[in-house]
Protein backbone atom coordinates (compact mmCIF):
# COMPACT_ATOMS: atom_id res chain seq x y z
CA MET A 1 17.35 21.50 -8.31
CA ALA A 2 16.07 19.50 -11.21
CA ILE A 3 18.00 16.45 -10.30
CA PHE A 4 16.69 16.79 -6.70
CA ALA A 5 13.07 16.99 -8.22
CA ILE A 6 13.57 14.01 -10.31
CA LEU A 7 14.90 11.92 -7.37
CA ASN A 8 11.87 12.87 -5.38
CA PHE A 9 9.59 11.95 -8.06
CA LEU A 10 11.10 8.64 -8.34
CA LEU A 11 11.29 8.10 -4.49
CA GLY A 12 7.40 9.22 -4.36
CA ALA A 13 6.74 6.40 -7.18
CA VAL A 14 8.44 3.71 -5.36
CA LEU A 15 6.88 4.81 -2.14
CA GLY A 16 3.49 4.83 -3.82
CA HIS A 17 4.08 1.31 -5.29
CA ARG A 18 4.87 -0.12 -1.99
CA PHE A 19 3.41 1.70 0.88
CA LYS A 20 0.25 3.38 2.18
CA ILE A 21 -0.30 7.16 2.13
CA GLN A 22 1.01 7.36 5.98
CA VAL A 23 4.53 7.30 4.71
CA LEU A 24 4.36 10.50 2.52
CA LEU A 25 4.19 13.00 5.41
CA PRO A 26 7.66 11.79 7.00
CA THR A 27 9.22 11.58 3.62
CA ILE A 28 8.21 15.03 2.82
CA VAL A 29 9.51 16.18 6.16
CA VAL A 30 12.96 14.64 5.45
CA SER A 31 13.02 15.74 2.01
CA ALA A 32 12.41 19.37 3.04
CA ILE A 33 15.17 19.19 5.85
CA VAL A 34 17.49 17.89 3.08
CA ALA A 35 16.57 20.63 0.55
CA ILE A 36 17.21 23.16 3.37
CA GLY A 37 20.61 21.67 4.40
CA ILE A 38 21.55 21.56 0.78
CA GLY A 39 20.37 25.21 0.03
CA ILE A 40 22.11 26.54 3.11
CA ALA A 41 25.50 24.47 2.21
CA ARG A 42 25.37 26.10 -1.47
CA ALA A 43 24.35 29.59 0.19
CA ASP A 44 21.35 29.88 -1.81
CA ASP A 45 18.75 32.69 -1.17
CA ALA A 46 15.86 31.91 1.10
CA TRP A 47 13.33 32.07 -1.70
CA LEU A 48 15.30 29.57 -3.57
CA ILE A 49 15.20 27.16 -0.67
CA GLY A 50 11.48 27.70 -0.26
CA LEU A 51 11.14 27.08 -4.21
CA THR A 52 13.32 23.98 -3.84
CA VAL A 53 11.29 22.77 -0.65
CA THR A 54 8.16 23.22 -2.39
CA LEU A 55 9.29 21.55 -5.76
CA ALA A 56 10.43 18.62 -3.75
CA SER A 57 7.25 18.28 -1.93
CA VAL A 58 4.95 18.58 -5.00
CA CYS A 59 7.38 15.90 -6.94
CA LEU A 60 7.04 13.37 -4.14
CA GLN A 61 3.16 13.70 -4.10
CA ILE A 62 2.85 13.34 -7.87
CA GLY A 63 5.34 10.33 -7.79
CA TYR A 64 3.37 8.83 -4.97
CA LEU A 65 0.30 9.24 -7.13
CA CYS A 66 1.77 7.83 -10.30
CA GLY A 67 3.36 4.74 -8.14
CA THR A 68 -0.11 4.15 -6.86
CA VAL A 69 -1.77 4.39 -10.06
CA THR A 70 0.65 2.02 -11.68
CA SER A 71 0.44 -0.52 -8.90
CA ALA A 72 -3.55 -0.74 -8.74
CA PRO A 73 -3.84 -3.14 -11.74
CA ALA A 74 -1.27 -5.48 -10.29
CA VAL A 75 -3.06 -5.50 -6.86
CA ALA A 76 -6.47 -5.97 -8.50
CA SER A 77 -4.91 -8.80 -10.53
CA ARG A 78 -3.54 -10.39 -7.35
CA ALA A 79 -6.66 -9.99 -5.50
CA GLU A 80 -8.68 -11.56 -8.55
CA GLN A 81 -6.11 -14.63 -8.60
CA ILE A 82 -6.67 -15.23 -4.80
CA ARG A 83 -10.50 -15.17 -5.29
CA ASP A 84 -10.52 -17.36 -8.17
CA HIS A 85 -8.16 -19.93 -6.38
CA LYS A 86 -10.03 -19.91 -3.36
CA PHE A 87 -13.31 -20.35 -5.21
CA GLY A 88 -11.79 -22.86 -7.39
CA VAL A 89 -10.71 -25.05 -4.60
CA GLN A 90 -14.23 -24.93 -3.08
CA ILE A 91 -15.77 -26.13 -6.35
CA ALA A 92 -13.15 -28.94 -6.68
CA LEU A 93 -13.73 -30.06 -3.25
CA GLY A 94 -17.77 -30.00 -3.61
CA HIS A 95 -18.06 -27.22 -1.13
CA ALA A 96 -19.46 -24.70 -3.40
CA LYS A 97 -22.85 -25.55 -2.67
CA SER A 98 -22.41 -25.12 1.07
CA ILE A 99 -21.28 -21.53 0.81
CA SER A 100 -23.80 -19.36 2.75
CA THR A 101 -23.91 -15.87 4.54
CA ASP A 102 -23.45 -17.51 7.83
CA PRO A 103 -19.79 -16.84 8.51
CA TYR A 104 -19.62 -19.61 10.91
CA GLU A 105 -21.37 -22.32 8.84
CA ASN A 106 -18.30 -23.28 6.67
CA VAL A 107 -15.57 -22.95 9.39
CA GLY A 108 -16.17 -26.36 10.80
CA ILE A 109 -15.54 -25.72 14.48
CA ARG A 110 -16.14 -28.45 16.45
CA SER A 111 -16.27 -29.11 20.36
CA VAL A 112 -16.66 -32.04 22.51
CA VAL A 113 -19.58 -32.26 24.73
CA GLY A 114 -19.58 -33.76 28.30
CA ASP A 115 -20.33 -37.26 26.92
CA GLY A 116 -17.74 -37.41 24.30
CA HIS A 117 -19.75 -36.59 21.28
CA GLN A 118 -18.46 -33.89 18.67
CA VAL A 119 -20.94 -31.07 18.03
CA ARG A 120 -20.41 -29.09 15.30
CA HIS A 121 -21.14 -25.05 15.92
């Protein structure tokens, strides 16, 4: 039972590091089915199978939480790098002064009107 709990914890940590929370419920269901199958194969008592299922579920959830917490600084760092790079490119190109709250101002959408002149929208 301890090895199964450790494996569930590690699986939860990997899932927490890579995926969103929607993946946790199907994983808990699969883990419960595996625990029930192992318990039946080993001819364990029903209370021991229930305890194993509960322990597996809790270990998956705690592992998921640990994986999410450990990946949060990496995600924040990556978001900061992307933001700084984008802003740095705008400064280098001289576009920093043209940043405004209008979402279409900096896009540079152009269309051709009937007489062939380009109009910026």
